[in-house]
Amino acid sequence: MDFQFPPRFPRTVAVAHAMLTQRVRVGDTVLDATAGNGHDTAFLADLVGDNGCVIVIDIQQSAIDATQQRCESLGLADRVQLVCDSHAQIDTILSSRDISNLSAAVFNLGYLPGGDKSLVTHPDTTIAALEQALNHLRPGGLLLIVCYPGHPEGAVESDAVSAWASSLDEQHYLAVNYSSMNQTKRPPFIIAIERRGE
């Protein structure tokens, strides 16, 4: 195995990107279920290449607009499909595009950076969306969730998502996390779920 852990523990975003780089190939279809300001979308769009596709969802039009601008500025807009809707509608959104074979799905929970902090993701709709995303992953596909427990709503959601991931059937999924254990401000952490081969 050629894996080498870096000399210092990597930041959360670096771990997330490293995981995605190992799973996403040119020509793949992937899902960014929380567009935010488009950073994950642009990273994924670069991975899938000219023949791939990134389906991007966000309930806030400002997030969709920011993501579109970022992708256009980087020359990646032709491989991105933007949808202003709740991520709880993943089944409908993907089925309408005849998509059921994702290599990866990414959720970056919490609120829009630089936006209204009162508009946050919620455990009930998030878990419904996560379950739908799992159903569209191909065997070996990766569901990547970045949780933000550093604010009250985020702490509740992070606990709920952690409990949900822990309850998944081990015959079909492998769930792992990457988190700091001794940081008082409760920094972001990753939950990664692999759909086992069938």
Protein backbone atom coordinates (compact mmCIF):
# COMPACT_ATOMS: atom_id res chain seq x y z
CA MET A 1 0.00 0.00 0.00
CA ASP A 2 1.40 3.42 -0.97
CA PHE A 3 -0.52 5.41 1.66
CA GLN A 4 1.66 7.76 3.69
CA PHE A 5 0.27 9.77 6.58
CA PRO A 6 1.57 13.35 6.62
CA PRO A 7 4.07 14.38 9.31
CA ARG A 8 1.42 16.48 11.07
CA PHE A 9 -2.25 15.72 11.51
CA PRO A 10 -4.00 17.26 8.49
CA ARG A 11 -6.85 19.75 8.73
CA THR A 12 -10.38 18.51 8.21
CA VAL A 13 -10.70 19.86 4.67
CA ALA A 14 -7.41 18.21 3.65
CA VAL A 15 -8.63 14.84 4.90
CA ALA A 16 -11.94 15.25 3.10
CA HIS A 17 -10.23 16.13 -0.17
CA ALA A 18 -7.78 13.25 0.15
CA MET A 19 -10.64 10.79 0.61
CA LEU A 20 -12.48 12.17 -2.39
CA THR A 21 -9.38 12.11 -4.57
CA GLN A 22 -9.07 8.37 -3.96
CA ARG A 23 -12.69 7.65 -4.91
CA VAL A 24 -13.67 10.03 -7.70
CA ARG A 25 -12.46 9.43 -11.25
CA VAL A 26 -12.70 11.32 -14.52
CA GLY A 27 -16.15 10.79 -16.00
CA ASP A 28 -17.87 10.09 -12.68
CA THR A 29 -21.08 11.62 -11.41
CA VAL A 30 -20.98 13.03 -7.88
CA LEU A 31 -23.26 14.99 -5.57
CA ASP A 32 -22.55 18.13 -3.58
CA ALA A 33 -25.64 18.27 -1.37
CA THR A 34 -24.77 21.60 0.28
CA ALA A 35 -23.30 24.07 -2.20
CA GLY A 36 -22.19 26.71 0.28
CA ASN A 37 -19.81 29.06 -1.51
CA GLY A 38 -18.81 26.46 -4.08
CA HIS A 39 -15.43 25.30 -2.77
CA ASP A 40 -16.37 21.60 -2.64
CA THR A 41 -18.22 21.90 -5.94
CA ALA A 42 -15.15 23.30 -7.69
CA PHE A 43 -12.93 20.61 -6.18
CA LEU A 44 -15.32 17.86 -7.30
CA ALA A 45 -15.75 19.41 -10.76
CA ASP A 46 -12.00 19.32 -11.23
CA LEU A 47 -11.90 15.63 -10.22
CA VAL A 48 -14.67 14.48 -12.58
CA GLY A 49 -13.13 16.20 -15.61
CA ASP A 50 -14.77 17.27 -18.85
CA ASN A 51 -16.90 14.12 -19.14
CA GLY A 52 -18.09 14.05 -15.54
CA CYS A 53 -20.93 15.75 -13.73
CA VAL A 54 -21.46 17.37 -10.34
CA ILE A 55 -25.04 17.69 -9.16
CA VAL A 56 -25.16 20.59 -6.70
CA ILE A 57 -27.99 21.36 -4.28
CA ASP A 58 -28.60 24.20 -1.87
CA ILE A 59 -31.78 25.64 -0.44
CA GLN A 60 -30.40 29.20 -0.56
CA GLN A 61 -30.27 30.98 -3.91
CA SER A 62 -27.31 33.04 -2.69
CA ALA A 63 -25.31 29.82 -2.29
CA ILE A 64 -26.28 28.64 -5.77
CA ASP A 65 -25.28 32.02 -7.22
CA ALA A 66 -21.92 32.03 -5.41
CA THR A 67 -21.20 28.49 -6.56
CA GLN A 68 -22.09 29.31 -10.15
CA GLN A 69 -19.81 32.34 -10.12
CA ARG A 70 -16.93 30.33 -8.67
CA CYS A 71 -17.31 27.55 -11.23
CA GLU A 72 -17.60 30.00 -14.12
CA SER A 73 -14.46 31.83 -13.00
CA LEU A 74 -12.56 28.52 -12.97
CA GLY A 75 -13.92 27.28 -16.29
CA LEU A 76 -15.80 24.41 -14.65
CA ALA A 77 -19.42 25.47 -15.14
CA ASP A 78 -20.08 23.08 -18.04
CA ARG A 79 -19.76 20.03 -15.76
CA VAL A 80 -21.94 21.38 -12.93
CA GLN A 81 -25.73 21.22 -12.58
CA LEU A 82 -27.10 23.60 -9.94
CA VAL A 83 -30.41 23.02 -8.16
CA CYS A 84 -31.98 25.45 -5.66
CA ASP A 85 -33.92 23.09 -3.41
CA SER A 86 -33.72 21.21 -0.12
CA HIS A 87 -31.27 18.34 0.01
CA ALA A 88 -34.18 16.33 1.41
CA GLN A 89 -35.32 16.17 -2.24
CA ILE A 90 -32.27 14.20 -3.43
CA ASP A 91 -34.34 11.23 -4.63
CA THR A 92 -36.52 13.44 -6.80
CA ILE A 93 -33.61 15.52 -8.11
CA LEU A 94 -31.45 12.54 -9.04
CA SER A 95 -34.29 10.39 -10.37
CA SER A 96 -35.39 13.19 -12.70
CA ARG A 97 -31.87 13.06 -14.18
CA ASP A 98 -31.79 9.23 -14.25
CA ILE A 99 -28.82 9.16 -11.85
CA SER A 100 -28.33 6.23 -9.47
CA ASN A 101 -24.61 5.47 -9.60
CA LEU A 102 -22.75 8.16 -7.65
CA SER A 103 -19.10 7.63 -6.81
CA ALA A 104 -19.33 10.20 -4.00
CA ALA A 105 -21.74 12.48 -2.17
CA VAL A 106 -20.61 15.38 0.02
CA PHE A 107 -22.49 17.15 2.82
CA ASN A 108 -20.98 20.22 4.50
CA LEU A 109 -23.43 20.90 7.31
CA GLY A 110 -24.24 24.02 9.31
CA TYR A 111 -24.78 27.49 7.89
CA LEU A 112 -23.58 29.28 4.76
CA PRO A 113 -20.19 30.88 5.51
CA GLY A 114 -20.68 34.64 5.32
CA GLY A 115 -24.45 34.20 5.22
CA ASP A 116 -27.31 34.28 7.69
CA LYS A 117 -26.23 32.12 10.64
CA SER A 118 -29.85 31.56 11.64
CA LEU A 119 -30.34 29.50 8.45
CA VAL A 120 -28.83 26.14 9.29
CA THR A 121 -29.22 22.53 8.27
CA HIS A 122 -31.47 20.49 10.57
CA PRO A 123 -31.15 16.89 11.80
CA ASP A 124 -34.47 15.63 10.42
CA THR A 125 -33.99 16.83 6.85
CA THR A 126 -30.25 16.11 6.92
CA ILE A 127 -30.71 12.48 7.95
CA ALA A 128 -33.46 12.02 5.35
CA ALA A 129 -31.07 13.43 2.75
CA LEU A 130 -28.18 11.22 3.90
CA GLU A 131 -30.33 8.11 3.61
CA GLN A 132 -31.34 9.09 0.09
CA ALA A 133 -27.75 9.78 -0.90
CA LEU A 134 -26.66 6.34 0.34
CA ASN A 135 -29.25 4.72 -1.91
CA HIS A 136 -27.69 6.38 -4.95
CA LEU A 137 -24.08 5.41 -4.20
CA ARG A 138 -22.47 2.70 -6.27
CA PRO A 139 -20.64 -0.12 -4.45
CA GLY A 140 -17.40 1.35 -3.16
CA GLY A 141 -18.90 4.82 -3.25
CA LEU A 142 -18.22 7.36 -0.53
CA LEU A 143 -20.61 9.50 1.50
CA LEU A 144 -18.63 12.28 3.16
CA ILE A 145 -20.17 14.44 5.90
CA VAL A 146 -18.45 17.42 7.53
CA CYS A 147 -20.12 18.22 10.86
CA TYR A 148 -19.82 21.48 12.78
CA PRO A 149 -20.57 20.97 16.49
CA GLY A 150 -19.15 24.36 17.53
CA HIS A 151 -22.54 26.13 17.63
CA PRO A 152 -25.66 24.92 19.48
CA GLU A 153 -27.69 23.81 16.45
CA GLY A 154 -24.61 22.21 14.94
CA ALA A 155 -23.91 20.25 18.11
CA VAL A 156 -27.42 18.77 18.09
CA GLU A 157 -27.16 17.91 14.40
CA SER A 158 -23.66 16.45 14.76
CA ASP A 159 -24.82 14.16 17.56
CA ALA A 160 -27.83 13.03 15.54
CA VAL A 161 -25.77 12.34 12.43
CA SER A 162 -23.15 10.46 14.47
CA ALA A 163 -25.85 8.28 16.02
CA TRP A 164 -27.37 7.63 12.58
CA ALA A 165 -24.03 6.63 11.08
CA SER A 166 -23.27 4.36 14.04
CA SER A 167 -26.54 2.50 13.46
CA LEU A 168 -25.90 1.61 9.81
CA ASP A 169 -25.83 -2.09 8.92
CA GLU A 170 -22.18 -3.16 8.94
CA GLN A 171 -22.89 -5.75 6.27
CA HIS A 172 -23.59 -2.97 3.80
CA TYR A 173 -21.69 0.08 5.07
CA LEU A 174 -18.46 0.99 6.81
CA ALA A 175 -18.65 4.23 8.81
CA VAL A 176 -15.56 5.98 10.20
CA ASN A 177 -14.81 9.40 11.65
CA TYR A 178 -11.90 11.81 11.82
CA SER A 179 -12.12 14.15 14.76
CA SER A 180 -10.14 16.03 17.39
CA MET A 181 -10.70 14.70 20.89
CA ASN A 182 -9.20 17.38 23.16
CA GLN A 183 -10.21 20.68 21.56
CA THR A 184 -12.50 22.78 23.75
CA LYS A 185 -14.14 24.66 20.87
CA ARG A 186 -15.44 21.44 19.26
CA PRO A 187 -13.92 21.87 15.78
CA PRO A 188 -15.42 20.31 12.64
CA PHE A 189 -15.13 16.57 12.16
CA ILE A 190 -15.68 14.13 9.32
CA ILE A 191 -17.94 11.12 9.07
CA ALA A 192 -17.13 8.99 6.03
CA ILE A 193 -19.34 6.10 4.93
CA GLU A 194 -18.34 3.56 2.32
CA ARG A 195 -20.97 1.48 0.60
CA ARG A 196 -19.63 -2.06 0.60
CA GLY A 197 -19.44 -4.06 -2.61
CA GLU A 198 -22.35 -6.26 -3.55
